[in-house]
Amino acid sequence: MAGFSAAVKPTPILKDELDIVIPTIRNLDFLEMWRPFFEGYHLIIVQDGDPSKTIKVPEGFDYELYNRNDINRILGPKASCISFKDSACRCFGFMVSKKKYIYTIDDDCFVAKDPTGAQINALEQHIKNLLSPSTPHFFNTLYDPYREGADFVRGYPFSLREGVATAVSHGLWMNIPDYDAPTQLVKPLERNTRYVDAVMTIPKGTLFPMCGMNLAFNRELVGPALYFGLMGDGQPIGRYDDMWAGWCVKVICDHMGWGIKTGLPYIWHSKASNPFVNLKKEYKGIFWQEEIIPFFQSVKISKDATSVQKCYIELSKEVKEKLGKVDPYFDKLADAMVTWIEAWDELNPSSAEKTAANGTAKAK
């Protein structure tokens, strides 16, 4: 037809620098909804549960899939640090990736819409968050000052306006909120319909409950800190994997001088997990977190820790010494933290040197 030219798809942002990591126990039909945004990126799928089960992935996606047999083969005895029958297995995907950035999403998360009805490209917003600086040392009341149409407010120190590197971008969810089991039980019909058009940097010295279902991070900067704990099968606790990683990475980012952003983008969380099943998984954690959070609020990392790996090993020692008194589980978790770092460095031999180079001038 005269005058007609086929539309050319734009090249995905950071196409060759970002992997999408998905933990799953089912066929990945949900990717069809994400096709306009994910096609062109490399997917790392970590199959949880029965390794003999076949997971179907829609055609057209570039992916590699690992099951438990693969994890055992690649890591050998160190595979013990990767959780089984828990979405914490996703961190194996972080370890085997060779890209600078990671976006991880759960398989029950769909594309959300903004108040105008337009579909939200969550991955694009995460990339914007990661590529712009953070301001953990002084809060800007207009939230993210680097966003188009915003700036630093009157009274904001000029010496801090350059900001620092953003290590983690923490996205939110429409529809099903990320509640613990007791809150689920008392608010079974509650849905999040509120869209807040904002991104903010979490201040230095402030912890937050990190959710892993819509999360991006600079793997080159903080990858070794994103260990999702030892959860699931054979462990006395579950559903604290992402929060554990969040507390660890926040303490390390505070030490190294990096920032974490939270807010946009939203995804659509499609289904609520069973609150009674969740209560069994969370029961001990609900009590333990009253000890865990003060621990992370008070823990100190030494000036000698100039890489993420060194920070994490120091944290593991503190976990064993302080939280080991709470329950023997924390001794086991501390050992798994060390195993995780050893396995990370075996698969990523240049990682320690890179993080040391990035962090030497930043450590406080």
Protein backbone atom coordinates (compact mmCIF):
# COMPACT_ATOMS: atom_id res chain seq x y z
CA MET A 1 0.00 0.00 0.00
CA ALA A 2 1.47 3.36 -1.04
CA GLY A 3 2.62 5.59 1.77
CA PHE A 4 2.40 2.82 4.37
CA SER A 5 5.36 1.91 6.58
CA ALA A 6 5.33 -0.71 9.32
CA ALA A 7 5.80 0.59 12.84
CA VAL A 8 9.24 -0.12 14.20
CA LYS A 9 9.39 -1.35 17.78
CA PRO A 10 11.66 0.80 19.92
CA THR A 11 14.70 -0.98 21.39
CA PRO A 12 13.97 -1.87 25.04
CA ILE A 13 15.86 0.30 27.53
CA LEU A 14 18.97 -1.47 28.91
CA LYS A 15 18.07 -4.53 26.82
CA ASP A 16 21.56 -5.99 27.12
CA GLU A 17 22.14 -4.91 30.72
CA LEU A 18 19.08 -6.26 32.53
CA ASP A 19 17.68 -9.70 33.36
CA ILE A 20 14.13 -10.41 34.55
CA VAL A 21 14.05 -13.07 37.28
CA ILE A 22 10.81 -15.00 37.91
CA PRO A 23 10.29 -17.71 40.56
CA THR A 24 7.44 -20.05 39.69
CA ILE A 25 5.70 -23.39 40.22
CA ARG A 26 3.31 -23.05 37.25
CA ASN A 27 3.07 -22.32 33.54
CA LEU A 28 3.96 -18.71 32.79
CA ASP A 29 0.84 -17.64 30.89
CA PHE A 30 0.95 -14.34 32.77
CA LEU A 31 3.82 -13.30 30.48
CA GLU A 32 1.37 -12.75 27.63
CA MET A 33 0.09 -9.63 29.37
CA TRP A 34 3.67 -8.44 29.88
CA ARG A 35 4.77 -9.22 26.31
CA PRO A 36 4.79 -5.58 25.10
CA PHE A 37 7.12 -4.66 27.96
CA PHE A 38 9.22 -7.81 28.55
CA GLU A 39 9.78 -9.11 25.02
CA GLY A 40 13.34 -8.33 24.06
CA TYR A 41 14.70 -8.86 27.56
CA HIS A 42 16.33 -12.04 28.83
CA LEU A 43 14.32 -13.98 31.44
CA ILE A 44 15.78 -16.19 34.15
CA ILE A 45 13.08 -18.54 35.43
CA VAL A 46 13.70 -20.37 38.70
CA GLN A 47 11.33 -23.34 38.98
CA ASP A 48 10.42 -24.16 42.56
CA GLY A 49 9.11 -27.48 43.81
CA ASP A 50 9.05 -30.70 41.77
CA PRO A 51 11.88 -30.52 39.19
CA SER A 52 10.23 -33.22 37.06
CA LYS A 53 7.27 -30.94 36.33
CA THR A 54 7.38 -29.21 32.94
CA ILE A 55 6.95 -25.45 33.03
CA LYS A 56 5.57 -23.96 29.83
CA VAL A 57 6.76 -20.54 28.69
CA PRO A 58 4.92 -18.66 25.92
CA GLU A 59 6.70 -18.55 22.58
CA GLY A 60 8.80 -15.58 21.64
CA PHE A 61 10.55 -15.01 24.95
CA ASP A 62 14.30 -15.36 25.42
CA TYR A 63 14.79 -17.33 28.61
CA GLU A 64 16.77 -19.86 30.60
CA LEU A 65 15.04 -22.08 33.16
CA TYR A 66 16.60 -23.64 36.26
CA ASN A 67 15.00 -26.25 38.51
CA ARG A 68 16.24 -27.78 41.75
CA ASN A 69 18.35 -30.35 39.94
CA ASP A 70 20.14 -27.54 38.12
CA ILE A 71 20.72 -25.63 41.35
CA ASN A 72 22.21 -28.75 42.99
CA ARG A 73 24.38 -29.42 39.94
CA ILE A 74 25.71 -25.87 39.68
CA LEU A 75 26.26 -25.15 43.37
CA GLY A 76 26.96 -28.64 44.73
CA PRO A 77 26.98 -28.66 48.55
CA LYS A 78 26.49 -24.88 48.57
CA ALA A 79 23.00 -25.40 47.12
CA SER A 80 21.88 -25.73 50.74
CA CYS A 81 21.72 -21.93 50.96
CA ILE A 82 18.97 -21.74 48.30
CA SER A 83 15.48 -22.15 49.75
CA PHE A 84 13.20 -24.93 48.53
CA LYS A 85 9.41 -24.66 48.18
CA ASP A 86 9.57 -20.92 48.72
CA SER A 87 9.79 -17.97 46.34
CA ALA A 88 13.13 -17.16 48.02
CA CYS A 89 14.60 -19.52 45.40
CA ARG A 90 14.54 -16.49 43.09
CA CYS A 91 17.87 -15.32 44.49
CA PHE A 92 19.54 -18.16 42.59
CA GLY A 93 18.58 -16.22 39.47
CA PHE A 94 20.32 -13.16 40.86
CA MET A 95 23.45 -15.23 41.37
CA VAL A 96 23.65 -16.77 37.89
CA SER A 97 22.79 -13.58 36.03
CA LYS A 98 25.66 -11.74 34.37
CA LYS A 99 23.80 -8.47 33.84
CA LYS A 100 24.20 -5.16 35.65
CA TYR A 101 20.53 -4.86 36.63
CA ILE A 102 17.81 -7.24 37.81
CA TYR A 103 14.04 -6.91 37.78
CA THR A 104 12.16 -9.60 39.68
CA ILE A 105 8.41 -10.15 39.57
CA ASP A 106 6.00 -12.82 40.85
CA ASP A 107 3.92 -14.88 38.45
CA ASP A 108 0.62 -13.63 39.91
CA CYS A 109 1.40 -10.01 39.08
CA PHE A 110 -0.17 -8.40 36.03
CA VAL A 111 0.02 -5.05 34.27
CA ALA A 112 -1.69 -2.29 36.26
CA LYS A 113 -3.33 0.85 34.89
CA ASP A 114 -2.77 4.41 36.00
CA PRO A 115 -5.72 6.74 36.79
CA THR A 116 -6.00 7.69 33.09
CA GLY A 117 -6.50 4.03 32.15
CA ALA A 118 -3.11 3.69 30.49
CA GLN A 119 -1.12 0.50 31.06
CA ILE A 120 1.86 0.98 33.36
CA ASN A 121 5.25 -0.09 32.03
CA ALA A 122 6.60 -1.09 35.43
CA LEU A 123 10.00 -2.11 34.10
CA GLU A 124 10.56 1.26 32.43
CA GLN A 125 9.76 3.12 35.66
CA HIS A 126 12.10 0.90 37.67
CA ILE A 127 14.87 1.66 35.20
CA LYS A 128 14.20 5.40 35.57
CA ASN A 129 14.44 5.01 39.33
CA LEU A 130 17.72 3.10 39.14
CA LEU A 131 19.31 5.48 36.65
CA SER A 132 18.54 8.61 38.67
CA PRO A 133 20.23 9.47 41.99
CA SER A 134 18.80 8.97 45.48
CA THR A 135 18.77 11.43 48.38
CA PRO A 136 19.03 9.37 51.61
CA HIS A 137 20.83 12.06 53.61
CA PHE A 138 18.18 14.80 53.44
CA PHE A 139 14.48 14.38 52.68
CA ASN A 140 12.99 16.42 49.84
CA THR A 141 9.34 17.30 50.58
CA LEU A 142 8.50 17.16 46.86
CA TYR A 143 9.69 13.53 46.96
CA ASP A 144 11.99 12.63 44.04
CA PRO A 145 13.66 15.89 42.98
CA TYR A 146 15.08 14.32 39.80
CA ARG A 147 11.67 13.60 38.35
CA GLU A 148 10.45 15.76 35.47
CA GLY A 149 8.56 18.73 36.83
CA ALA A 150 10.13 18.51 40.30
CA ASP A 151 13.21 19.97 41.93
CA PHE A 152 14.84 20.52 45.29
CA VAL A 153 12.81 22.70 47.62
CA ARG A 154 13.98 25.87 49.35
CA GLY A 155 16.31 25.03 52.21
CA TYR A 156 17.71 21.86 50.65
CA PRO A 157 21.53 21.92 51.00
CA PHE A 158 23.25 22.50 47.66
CA SER A 159 26.10 20.26 48.76
CA LEU A 160 23.70 17.27 48.79
CA ARG A 161 21.89 17.91 45.51
CA GLU A 162 24.12 15.66 43.46
CA GLY A 163 22.64 12.70 45.31
CA VAL A 164 24.07 9.18 45.47
CA ALA A 165 23.75 6.02 43.38
CA THR A 166 20.39 4.25 43.56
CA ALA A 167 20.89 0.59 44.46
CA VAL A 168 17.29 -0.63 44.77
CA SER A 169 13.91 0.37 43.30
CA HIS A 170 10.99 -0.94 45.34
CA GLY A 171 7.66 -0.95 43.50
CA LEU A 172 4.12 -1.22 44.88
CA TRP A 173 0.88 -3.01 44.02
CA MET A 174 -2.74 -2.33 43.16
CA ASN A 175 -5.58 -4.69 44.14
CA ILE A 176 -4.26 -7.23 46.69
CA PRO A 177 -2.14 -5.48 49.35
CA ASP A 178 1.02 -7.10 50.68
CA TYR A 179 -0.38 -7.89 54.13
CA ASP A 180 0.72 -10.35 56.79
CA ALA A 181 -1.63 -13.17 57.78
CA PRO A 182 -3.26 -11.48 60.84
CA THR A 183 -4.09 -8.40 58.77
CA GLN A 184 -5.38 -10.60 55.94
CA LEU A 185 -7.67 -12.36 58.39
CA VAL A 186 -9.25 -9.17 59.74
CA LYS A 187 -9.40 -7.44 56.33
CA PRO A 188 -10.19 -10.26 53.88
CA LEU A 189 -11.96 -8.03 51.35
CA GLU A 190 -9.64 -5.04 51.43
CA ARG A 191 -8.18 -3.98 48.11
CA ASN A 192 -5.76 -1.21 47.28
CA THR A 193 -7.38 1.20 44.83
CA ARG A 194 -5.23 4.20 45.75
CA TYR A 195 -2.63 5.20 43.17
CA VAL A 196 -0.04 7.57 44.63
CA ASP A 197 1.97 9.21 41.87
CA ALA A 198 5.22 9.52 43.81
CA VAL A 199 8.71 8.11 44.28
CA MET A 200 10.79 8.82 47.36
CA THR A 201 14.16 7.88 48.77
CA ILE A 202 14.02 5.98 52.05
CA PRO A 203 16.10 8.05 54.51
CA LYS A 204 19.41 6.81 55.86
CA GLY A 205 18.94 4.98 59.15
CA THR A 206 15.36 3.99 58.37
CA LEU A 207 14.37 0.37 57.72
CA PHE A 208 11.46 -0.70 55.52
CA PRO A 209 9.51 -3.92 54.78
CA MET A 210 10.71 -4.90 51.31
CA CYS A 211 8.39 -6.88 49.06
CA GLY A 212 10.01 -8.99 46.36
CA MET A 213 7.10 -9.25 43.94
CA ASN A 214 7.89 -5.98 42.09
CA LEU A 215 11.52 -5.12 42.69
CA ALA A 216 14.56 -3.95 40.72
CA PHE A 217 18.15 -3.43 41.77
CA ASN A 218 21.65 -2.69 40.57
CA ARG A 219 23.13 -6.17 40.71
CA GLU A 220 26.64 -4.91 40.06
CA LEU A 221 26.38 -2.64 43.09
CA VAL A 222 24.44 -4.68 45.69
CA GLY A 223 23.75 -8.12 44.21
CA PRO A 224 25.47 -10.10 47.01
CA ALA A 225 23.26 -8.38 49.61
CA LEU A 226 20.03 -9.53 47.95
CA TYR A 227 19.97 -12.94 49.60
CA PHE A 228 16.37 -13.92 50.32
CA GLY A 229 17.21 -15.90 53.43
CA LEU A 230 16.72 -19.56 54.25
CA MET A 231 12.98 -20.19 54.10
CA GLY A 232 10.40 -22.75 53.12
CA ASP A 233 10.84 -26.52 53.19
CA GLY A 234 12.66 -27.72 56.30
CA GLN A 235 12.76 -24.25 57.88
CA PRO A 236 10.63 -22.95 60.77
CA ILE A 237 9.64 -19.80 58.90
CA GLY A 238 8.47 -18.53 55.52
CA ARG A 239 7.32 -15.25 53.91
CA TYR A 240 10.13 -13.29 55.54
CA ASP A 241 12.62 -13.89 52.74
CA ASP A 242 12.22 -10.56 50.94
CA MET A 243 11.98 -8.61 54.19
CA TRP A 244 15.21 -10.20 55.42
CA ALA A 245 16.92 -9.19 52.18
CA GLY A 246 15.46 -5.70 52.53
CA TRP A 247 16.77 -5.19 56.05
CA CYS A 248 20.22 -6.46 55.09
CA VAL A 249 20.50 -4.40 51.91
CA LYS A 250 19.26 -1.24 53.63
CA VAL A 251 21.88 -1.47 56.39
CA ILE A 252 24.56 -2.12 53.79
CA CYS A 253 23.40 0.73 51.52
CA ASP A 254 23.46 3.08 54.51
CA HIS A 255 27.01 2.00 55.23
CA MET A 256 28.22 2.23 51.63
CA GLY A 257 26.47 5.52 50.90
CA TRP A 258 23.87 4.33 48.36
CA GLY A 259 20.13 4.91 48.17
CA ILE A 260 16.88 2.96 47.92
CA LYS A 261 13.74 4.33 46.27
CA THR A 262 10.15 3.26 46.88
CA GLY A 263 6.81 4.14 45.29
CA LEU A 264 6.17 3.94 41.56
CA PRO A 265 5.78 1.68 39.65
CA TYR A 266 2.62 -0.23 40.49
CA ILE A 267 1.75 -3.71 39.29
CA TRP A 268 -1.62 -5.50 39.63
CA HIS A 269 -1.37 -8.21 42.31
CA SER A 270 -4.03 -10.64 41.15
CA LYS A 271 -4.68 -13.03 44.00
CA ALA A 272 -4.43 -13.21 47.77
CA SER A 273 -2.61 -16.19 49.25
CA ASN A 274 -4.37 -18.26 51.91
CA PRO A 275 -4.14 -16.40 55.26
CA PHE A 276 -4.28 -19.61 57.31
CA VAL A 277 -1.40 -21.14 55.35
CA ASN A 278 0.45 -17.85 55.65
CA LEU A 279 -0.10 -17.74 59.40
CA LYS A 280 1.64 -21.11 59.79
CA LYS A 281 4.60 -19.80 57.77
CA GLU A 282 4.76 -16.44 59.53
CA TYR A 283 3.90 -17.45 63.09
CA LYS A 284 7.43 -17.47 64.53
CA GLY A 285 8.47 -14.52 62.40
CA ILE A 286 5.75 -12.35 63.91
CA PHE A 287 7.43 -12.82 67.29
CA TRP A 288 10.99 -12.84 66.02
CA GLN A 289 10.65 -9.57 64.11
CA GLU A 290 10.32 -7.75 67.42
CA GLU A 291 13.93 -8.81 68.02
CA ILE A 292 15.11 -8.68 64.41
CA ILE A 293 14.16 -5.08 63.71
CA PRO A 294 15.93 -3.60 66.78
CA PHE A 295 18.92 -5.71 65.80
CA PHE A 296 19.12 -4.14 62.35
CA GLN A 297 18.44 -0.69 63.79
CA SER A 298 21.45 -0.95 66.05
CA VAL A 299 23.91 -3.09 64.06
CA LYS A 300 27.16 -1.39 63.07
CA ILE A 301 29.38 -2.31 60.13
CA SER A 302 33.08 -1.55 60.48
CA LYS A 303 35.01 0.90 58.27
CA ASP A 304 37.08 -2.07 57.11
CA ALA A 305 34.04 -3.40 55.24
CA THR A 306 34.59 -1.74 51.86
CA SER A 307 32.72 -4.25 49.70
CA VAL A 308 29.20 -5.65 49.87
CA GLN A 309 30.62 -9.11 50.51
CA LYS A 310 32.63 -7.90 53.50
CA CYS A 311 29.58 -6.08 54.85
CA TYR A 312 27.47 -9.19 54.48
CA ILE A 313 29.99 -11.45 56.21
CA GLU A 314 30.14 -8.97 59.11
CA LEU A 315 26.33 -9.01 59.25
CA SER A 316 26.32 -12.81 59.34
CA LYS A 317 28.63 -12.78 62.37
CA GLU A 318 26.38 -10.28 64.12
CA VAL A 319 23.31 -12.40 63.29
CA LYS A 320 24.95 -15.45 64.85
CA GLU A 321 26.09 -13.59 67.95
CA LYS A 322 22.97 -11.48 68.64
CA LEU A 323 20.03 -13.32 67.03
CA GLY A 324 21.39 -16.80 67.70
CA LYS A 325 20.24 -16.21 71.28
CA VAL A 326 16.68 -15.79 70.04
CA ASP A 327 16.51 -19.16 68.27
CA PRO A 328 18.98 -21.73 66.84
CA TYR A 329 17.45 -21.02 63.42
CA PHE A 330 19.49 -17.83 63.25
CA ASP A 331 22.73 -19.78 63.66
CA LYS A 332 21.69 -21.80 60.63
CA LEU A 333 20.69 -18.65 58.73
CA ALA A 334 24.02 -16.98 59.55
CA ASP A 335 25.89 -20.00 58.17
CA ALA A 336 23.72 -19.91 55.04
CA MET A 337 24.58 -16.21 54.59
CA VAL A 338 28.27 -17.11 54.48
CA THR A 339 27.61 -20.00 52.09
CA TRP A 340 25.63 -17.63 49.85
CA ILE A 341 28.57 -15.22 49.60
CA GLU A 342 30.99 -18.08 48.89
CA ALA A 343 28.72 -19.40 46.14
CA TRP A 344 28.22 -15.89 44.72
CA ASP A 345 31.96 -15.29 44.50
CA GLU A 346 32.55 -18.68 42.87
CA LEU A 347 30.06 -17.87 40.10
CA ASN A 348 31.04 -14.20 39.95
CA PRO A 349 34.81 -14.12 40.54
CA SER A 350 35.19 -10.45 39.61
CA SER A 351 32.27 -9.31 41.77
CA ALA A 352 34.27 -8.70 44.94
CA GLU A 353 36.80 -6.53 43.11
CA LYS A 354 34.04 -4.49 41.46
CA THR A 355 32.13 -3.85 44.67
CA ALA A 356 35.34 -2.98 46.47
CA ALA A 357 36.22 -0.46 43.75
CA ASN A 358 32.73 1.02 43.85
CA GLY A 359 32.58 1.17 47.61
CA THR A 360 36.03 2.21 48.84
CA ALA A 361 35.34 5.92 48.47
CA LYS A 362 31.75 5.57 49.70
CA ALA A 363 32.11 3.68 52.98
CA LYS A 364 31.43 5.75 56.05
